[in-house]
Amino acid sequence: MSSVLLNKRQVMERLNSPLSSREKVTFLKWQRDNLSKSQMPILDKRRYDNYKEWLDTQININNNVVDDDDSSLF
């Protein structure tokens, strides 16, 4: 995958598509990695911190869904 940093709206559209929870977490982690590689931490630290926090929250939410999905298998 290339390093593409999407805005929150684009990320939410992707999360609303029919992806599994694991795929969503993978996608969100990829976005977080792209964010850290971007120029945003240098150019706009506040925006970077807010966006990173938002991505971390989305990852946590979807990780909980993955955990719930896994536990229902047993």
Protein backbone atom coordinates (compact mmCIF):
# COMPACT_ATOMS: atom_id res chain seq x y z
CA MET A 1 0.00 0.00 0.00
CA SER A 2 1.12 3.52 -0.64
CA SER A 3 1.26 6.26 1.98
CA VAL A 4 -2.05 8.01 1.60
CA LEU A 5 -3.43 10.11 4.42
CA LEU A 6 -7.20 10.34 4.26
CA ASN A 7 -9.34 12.87 6.08
CA LYS A 8 -11.79 11.78 8.79
CA ARG A 9 -14.74 11.81 6.44
CA GLN A 10 -12.99 9.49 4.00
CA VAL A 11 -11.96 7.20 6.85
CA MET A 12 -15.55 7.06 8.13
CA GLU A 13 -16.81 6.22 4.64
CA ARG A 14 -14.33 3.37 4.51
CA LEU A 15 -15.34 2.15 7.97
CA ASN A 16 -19.01 2.16 6.92
CA SER A 17 -18.26 -0.13 4.00
CA PRO A 18 -18.72 -3.89 4.37
CA LEU A 19 -15.33 -4.70 5.88
CA SER A 20 -14.68 -7.12 8.68
CA SER A 21 -13.62 -5.68 12.02
CA ARG A 22 -10.10 -7.00 11.50
CA GLU A 23 -9.87 -5.28 8.13
CA LYS A 24 -11.07 -2.04 9.70
CA VAL A 25 -8.40 -2.25 12.41
CA THR A 26 -5.72 -2.98 9.81
CA PHE A 27 -6.90 -0.03 7.74
CA LEU A 28 -6.95 2.29 10.76
CA LYS A 29 -3.45 1.24 11.82
CA TRP A 30 -2.26 1.88 8.29
CA GLN A 31 -3.76 5.38 8.46
CA ARG A 32 -2.08 5.99 11.83
CA ASP A 33 1.26 4.93 10.35
CA ASN A 34 0.72 7.22 7.37
CA LEU A 35 -0.11 10.05 9.74
CA SER A 36 3.14 9.62 11.64
CA LYS A 37 5.10 9.57 8.36
CA SER A 38 3.39 12.72 7.10
CA GLN A 39 4.47 16.33 7.57
CA MET A 40 1.53 17.04 9.85
CA PRO A 41 3.44 16.56 13.14
CA ILE A 42 5.78 19.31 12.01
CA LEU A 43 3.30 21.62 10.29
CA ASP A 44 0.31 21.39 12.63
CA LYS A 45 0.99 19.61 15.91
CA ARG A 46 -2.49 20.21 17.37
CA ARG A 47 -4.25 18.82 14.31
CA TYR A 48 -1.86 15.85 14.32
CA ASP A 49 -2.53 15.11 18.01
CA ASN A 50 -6.30 15.36 17.54
CA TYR A 51 -6.31 13.15 14.47
CA LYS A 52 -4.04 10.56 16.09
CA GLU A 53 -6.27 10.46 19.17
CA TRP A 54 -9.33 10.02 16.97
CA LEU A 55 -7.66 7.16 15.04
CA ASP A 56 -6.60 5.50 18.30
CA THR A 57 -10.19 5.70 19.55
CA GLN A 58 -11.49 4.15 16.33
CA ILE A 59 -8.89 1.38 16.60
CA ASN A 60 -9.95 0.65 20.18
CA ILE A 61 -13.62 0.55 19.23
CA ASN A 62 -12.99 -1.84 16.37
CA ASN A 63 -10.57 -3.96 18.40
CA ASN A 64 -13.37 -4.53 20.90
CA VAL A 65 -15.63 -5.65 18.08
CA VAL A 66 -12.93 -8.06 16.88
CA ASP A 67 -12.61 -9.45 20.42
CA ASP A 68 -16.37 -9.88 20.64
CA ASP A 69 -16.44 -11.60 17.25
CA ASP A 70 -13.71 -14.01 18.33
CA SER A 71 -15.38 -14.91 21.62
CA SER A 72 -18.64 -15.81 19.91
CA LEU A 73 -16.89 -18.62 18.07
CA PHE A 74 -16.59 -20.72 21.22
